[in-house]
Amino acid sequence: MTQIPTLDGPRAAPLSGGPAKSLVIFLHGYGSNGADLIDLAPYWASALPDTLFLAPDAPQPCDGVPYGRQWWPLTSLTPAARAAGVRVSAPALNGYIDAQLAAHGLSEDRLALVGFSQGSMMALHVGPRRAKALAGVIGFSGMLADPDALAAEVATKPPILLVHGDRDDVLPVEALHHAQLQLKGLDFDVAAHVSPGLGHSIDEPGLQLGARFLIDRLA
């Protein structure tokens, strides 16, 4: 039996200094690591003072990228490879979510996933397949990695925010439109924002939208 990796990574404690009343888990992109996305915590901490921010490193080292991690390798960019890739790391991410909820005595409705790029694909894959609904999922510059299987595998429908730049040359903005259309077709509560002139990145308007989304669901 293949052993499921145990994830770990940096964290930012609640600004209030008290126990966590909610959790936000950042999921980084290919070749990055948790230290990269935990830097987003200060943008949202003042609005969510009782929230613990977590940024686990993906389970696999990324070849040729010192300190870089990956949720799955990009040896193939086919739809089938993406669909298989998210499934490789989904058990580790689910295990991490379960462990953090248990450690802080919280339920799923007090946890949000926030992903960027490959991490966004992980969030959009795992979130709707959880048995109990999460507070929300934010996908920055991502896509549905296994859209054909989603209808048959949906277990819950957390609210979702999709944010993308219209100059993204890594994952074109059409990925947002495709995801939005499919999720709405399955009766998800989906909000979407396209940032003009933005490439494969996160900008200030996206952070502000993310803050409002999380405040509505966690504050």
Protein backbone atom coordinates (compact mmCIF):
# COMPACT_ATOMS: atom_id res chain seq x y z
CA MET A 1 0.00 0.00 0.00
CA THR A 2 1.35 3.42 -0.96
CA GLN A 3 1.94 5.64 2.06
CA ILE A 4 0.12 8.98 1.93
CA PRO A 5 2.58 11.87 2.46
CA THR A 6 2.10 14.08 5.51
CA LEU A 7 2.07 17.74 4.54
CA ASP A 8 3.56 20.59 6.52
CA GLY A 9 4.55 24.19 5.92
CA PRO A 10 4.59 27.72 7.27
CA ARG A 11 1.71 29.29 9.15
CA ALA A 12 0.61 32.70 10.39
CA ALA A 13 -1.09 32.73 13.79
CA PRO A 14 -4.35 34.62 14.38
CA LEU A 15 -3.73 38.33 14.74
CA SER A 16 -5.99 38.37 17.80
CA GLY A 17 -3.51 36.23 19.70
CA GLY A 18 -6.29 33.85 20.69
CA PRO A 19 -7.23 30.39 19.45
CA ALA A 20 -8.13 29.98 15.81
CA LYS A 21 -11.83 30.30 15.06
CA SER A 22 -11.33 29.68 11.35
CA LEU A 23 -8.68 28.38 8.96
CA VAL A 24 -7.46 29.48 5.54
CA ILE A 25 -5.24 27.00 3.71
CA PHE A 26 -3.12 28.38 0.86
CA LEU A 27 -2.15 25.96 -1.92
CA HIS A 28 0.85 27.13 -3.93
CA GLY A 29 1.60 26.69 -7.61
CA TYR A 30 4.03 24.44 -9.45
CA GLY A 31 7.67 24.99 -8.51
CA SER A 32 6.83 27.23 -5.56
CA ASN A 33 6.33 26.38 -1.88
CA GLY A 34 4.29 27.33 1.14
CA ALA A 35 6.62 30.18 2.07
CA ASP A 36 5.56 31.98 -1.10
CA LEU A 37 1.81 32.05 -0.45
CA ILE A 38 1.95 32.56 3.32
CA ASP A 39 3.04 36.10 2.40
CA LEU A 40 -0.60 36.74 1.45
CA ALA A 41 -1.71 36.32 5.06
CA PRO A 42 -0.91 39.93 6.13
CA TYR A 43 -3.24 41.24 3.40
CA TRP A 44 -6.19 39.49 5.01
CA ALA A 45 -5.22 39.07 8.67
CA SER A 46 -6.60 42.40 9.90
CA ALA A 47 -10.01 41.61 8.43
CA LEU A 48 -9.87 38.07 9.79
CA PRO A 49 -8.12 38.45 13.15
CA ASP A 50 -9.26 35.07 14.48
CA THR A 51 -8.09 33.12 11.42
CA LEU A 52 -5.07 30.84 11.30
CA PHE A 53 -3.40 30.90 7.88
CA LEU A 54 -1.63 27.74 6.72
CA ALA A 55 0.49 27.10 3.62
CA PRO A 56 1.58 23.48 3.28
CA ASP A 57 4.34 22.52 0.89
CA ALA A 58 3.15 20.24 -1.91
CA PRO A 59 4.21 16.63 -1.36
CA GLN A 60 6.65 16.24 -4.26
CA PRO A 61 9.99 17.95 -4.91
CA CYS A 62 10.13 19.81 -8.21
CA ASP A 63 13.02 18.73 -10.43
CA GLY A 64 15.38 21.54 -11.33
CA VAL A 65 13.81 24.04 -8.92
CA PRO A 66 15.73 24.39 -5.64
CA TYR A 67 13.25 24.43 -2.72
CA GLY A 68 10.40 24.13 -5.25
CA ARG A 69 7.52 21.70 -4.75
CA GLN A 70 4.80 20.31 -6.98
CA TRP A 71 1.40 18.68 -6.54
CA TRP A 72 2.18 16.58 -9.60
CA PRO A 73 4.86 16.70 -12.32
CA LEU A 74 4.30 18.55 -15.58
CA THR A 75 5.89 15.90 -17.76
CA SER A 76 2.66 15.92 -19.78
CA LEU A 77 0.19 18.79 -20.24
CA THR A 78 -2.68 16.70 -21.56
CA PRO A 79 -6.13 16.82 -19.92
CA ALA A 80 -5.70 13.18 -18.89
CA ALA A 81 -2.40 14.00 -17.15
CA ARG A 82 -4.01 16.88 -15.23
CA ALA A 83 -6.92 14.68 -14.20
CA ALA A 84 -4.54 12.01 -12.95
CA GLY A 85 -2.28 14.60 -11.31
CA VAL A 86 -4.85 16.11 -8.96
CA ARG A 87 -5.79 12.62 -7.84
CA VAL A 88 -2.19 11.81 -6.92
CA SER A 89 -2.02 14.51 -4.24
CA ALA A 90 -5.69 14.68 -3.21
CA PRO A 91 -5.32 12.09 -0.39
CA ALA A 92 -2.42 14.05 1.14
CA LEU A 93 -4.34 17.31 0.99
CA ASN A 94 -7.47 15.74 2.45
CA GLY A 95 -5.38 14.24 5.23
CA TYR A 96 -3.87 17.65 5.97
CA ILE A 97 -7.31 19.28 6.05
CA ASP A 98 -8.64 16.62 8.41
CA ALA A 99 -5.63 16.93 10.70
CA GLN A 100 -5.85 20.74 10.93
CA LEU A 101 -9.58 20.71 11.62
CA ALA A 102 -9.08 18.14 14.37
CA ALA A 103 -6.09 19.97 15.86
CA HIS A 104 -8.07 23.19 16.23
CA GLY A 105 -11.46 21.71 17.06
CA LEU A 106 -13.14 23.24 14.01
CA SER A 107 -15.66 22.01 11.47
CA GLU A 108 -15.46 22.25 7.69
CA ASP A 109 -17.64 25.35 7.54
CA ARG A 110 -14.82 27.24 9.29
CA LEU A 111 -12.21 26.44 6.63
CA ALA A 112 -11.50 27.94 3.21
CA LEU A 113 -9.09 26.78 0.53
CA VAL A 114 -7.19 29.40 -1.50
CA GLY A 115 -5.16 28.11 -4.42
CA PHE A 116 -2.93 29.61 -7.08
CA SER A 117 -2.34 27.93 -10.47
CA GLN A 118 -1.65 24.23 -9.81
CA GLY A 119 -2.76 24.83 -6.22
CA SER A 120 -5.99 26.32 -7.53
CA MET A 121 -6.61 23.10 -9.47
CA MET A 122 -6.10 21.16 -6.24
CA ALA A 123 -8.53 23.38 -4.34
CA LEU A 124 -11.19 23.15 -7.04
CA HIS A 125 -10.77 19.38 -7.21
CA VAL A 126 -10.74 18.57 -3.50
CA GLY A 127 -13.24 21.15 -2.21
CA PRO A 128 -16.38 19.85 -3.98
CA ARG A 129 -15.47 16.23 -3.26
CA ARG A 130 -15.33 16.70 0.53
CA ALA A 131 -18.18 14.97 2.40
CA LYS A 132 -18.93 18.13 4.40
CA ALA A 133 -19.01 21.53 2.73
CA LEU A 134 -16.11 23.91 3.23
CA ALA A 135 -16.73 27.61 3.91
CA GLY A 136 -15.44 28.46 0.44
CA VAL A 137 -12.85 27.97 -2.27
CA ILE A 138 -10.85 30.69 -4.04
CA GLY A 139 -9.06 29.82 -7.25
CA PHE A 140 -6.49 32.29 -8.55
CA SER A 141 -5.23 31.65 -12.11
CA GLY A 142 -6.46 28.08 -12.15
CA MET A 143 -8.82 25.68 -13.87
CA LEU A 144 -10.86 22.52 -13.35
CA ALA A 145 -8.31 19.76 -13.75
CA ASP A 146 -10.84 16.94 -14.17
CA PRO A 147 -14.05 18.59 -15.40
CA ASP A 148 -15.50 15.47 -17.02
CA ALA A 149 -15.69 13.63 -13.70
CA LEU A 150 -16.99 16.49 -11.59
CA ALA A 151 -20.74 15.95 -12.05
CA ALA A 152 -20.49 12.33 -10.95
CA GLU A 153 -18.18 13.06 -8.00
CA VAL A 154 -19.64 16.22 -6.44
CA ALA A 155 -20.34 15.62 -2.75
CA THR A 156 -20.83 19.21 -1.56
CA LYS A 157 -21.05 22.64 -3.17
CA PRO A 158 -18.98 25.24 -1.32
CA PRO A 159 -19.17 28.81 -2.66
CA ILE A 160 -16.39 29.50 -5.14
CA LEU A 161 -14.54 32.63 -6.27
CA LEU A 162 -12.51 32.48 -9.48
CA VAL A 163 -9.98 35.22 -10.29
CA HIS A 164 -7.83 35.36 -13.42
CA GLY A 165 -5.79 37.80 -15.48
CA ASP A 166 -6.75 38.35 -19.11
CA ARG A 167 -3.07 38.34 -20.10
CA ASP A 168 -2.25 35.03 -18.45
CA ASP A 169 0.06 33.16 -20.84
CA VAL A 170 0.42 30.10 -18.58
CA LEU A 171 -3.26 29.27 -18.07
CA PRO A 172 -5.32 31.40 -20.47
CA VAL A 173 -8.34 33.22 -19.06
CA GLU A 174 -10.63 30.89 -21.02
CA ALA A 175 -9.98 28.40 -18.21
CA LEU A 176 -11.94 30.67 -15.85
CA HIS A 177 -14.87 30.92 -18.24
CA HIS A 178 -14.98 27.16 -18.76
CA ALA A 179 -14.84 26.48 -15.02
CA GLN A 180 -17.47 29.10 -14.25
CA LEU A 181 -19.83 27.68 -16.87
CA GLN A 182 -19.46 24.11 -15.66
CA LEU A 183 -19.75 24.96 -11.97
CA LYS A 184 -22.85 27.09 -12.52
CA GLY A 185 -24.33 24.27 -14.57
CA LEU A 186 -24.00 22.11 -11.45
CA ASP A 187 -25.69 24.79 -9.29
CA PHE A 188 -22.57 26.00 -7.49
CA ASP A 189 -22.56 29.54 -6.12
CA VAL A 190 -19.76 30.96 -8.30
CA ALA A 191 -18.37 34.47 -8.54
CA ALA A 192 -15.73 35.36 -11.11
CA HIS A 193 -13.45 38.30 -11.78
CA VAL A 194 -11.10 38.96 -14.69
CA SER A 195 -8.27 41.44 -14.04
CA PRO A 196 -7.42 43.50 -17.16
CA GLY A 197 -3.75 43.41 -18.15
CA LEU A 198 -2.79 40.87 -15.49
CA GLY A 199 -0.60 37.89 -16.33
CA HIS A 200 -0.13 34.71 -14.31
CA SER A 201 -0.22 36.42 -10.95
CA ILE A 202 -2.42 37.88 -8.20
CA ASP A 203 -3.13 41.61 -8.11
CA GLU A 204 -4.56 44.05 -5.57
CA PRO A 205 -8.17 43.86 -6.87
CA GLY A 206 -7.97 40.08 -6.63
CA LEU A 207 -6.74 40.27 -3.05
CA GLN A 208 -9.55 42.69 -2.16
CA LEU A 209 -12.16 40.40 -3.69
CA GLY A 210 -10.65 37.47 -1.84
CA ALA A 211 -10.81 39.37 1.43
CA ARG A 212 -14.49 40.19 0.99
CA PHE A 213 -15.26 36.61 0.01
CA LEU A 214 -13.54 35.25 3.13
CA ILE A 215 -15.03 37.88 5.45
CA ASP A 216 -18.53 36.95 4.29
CA ARG A 217 -17.90 33.29 5.05
CA LEU A 218 -15.52 33.23 8.01
CA ALA A 219 -15.72 36.51 9.94
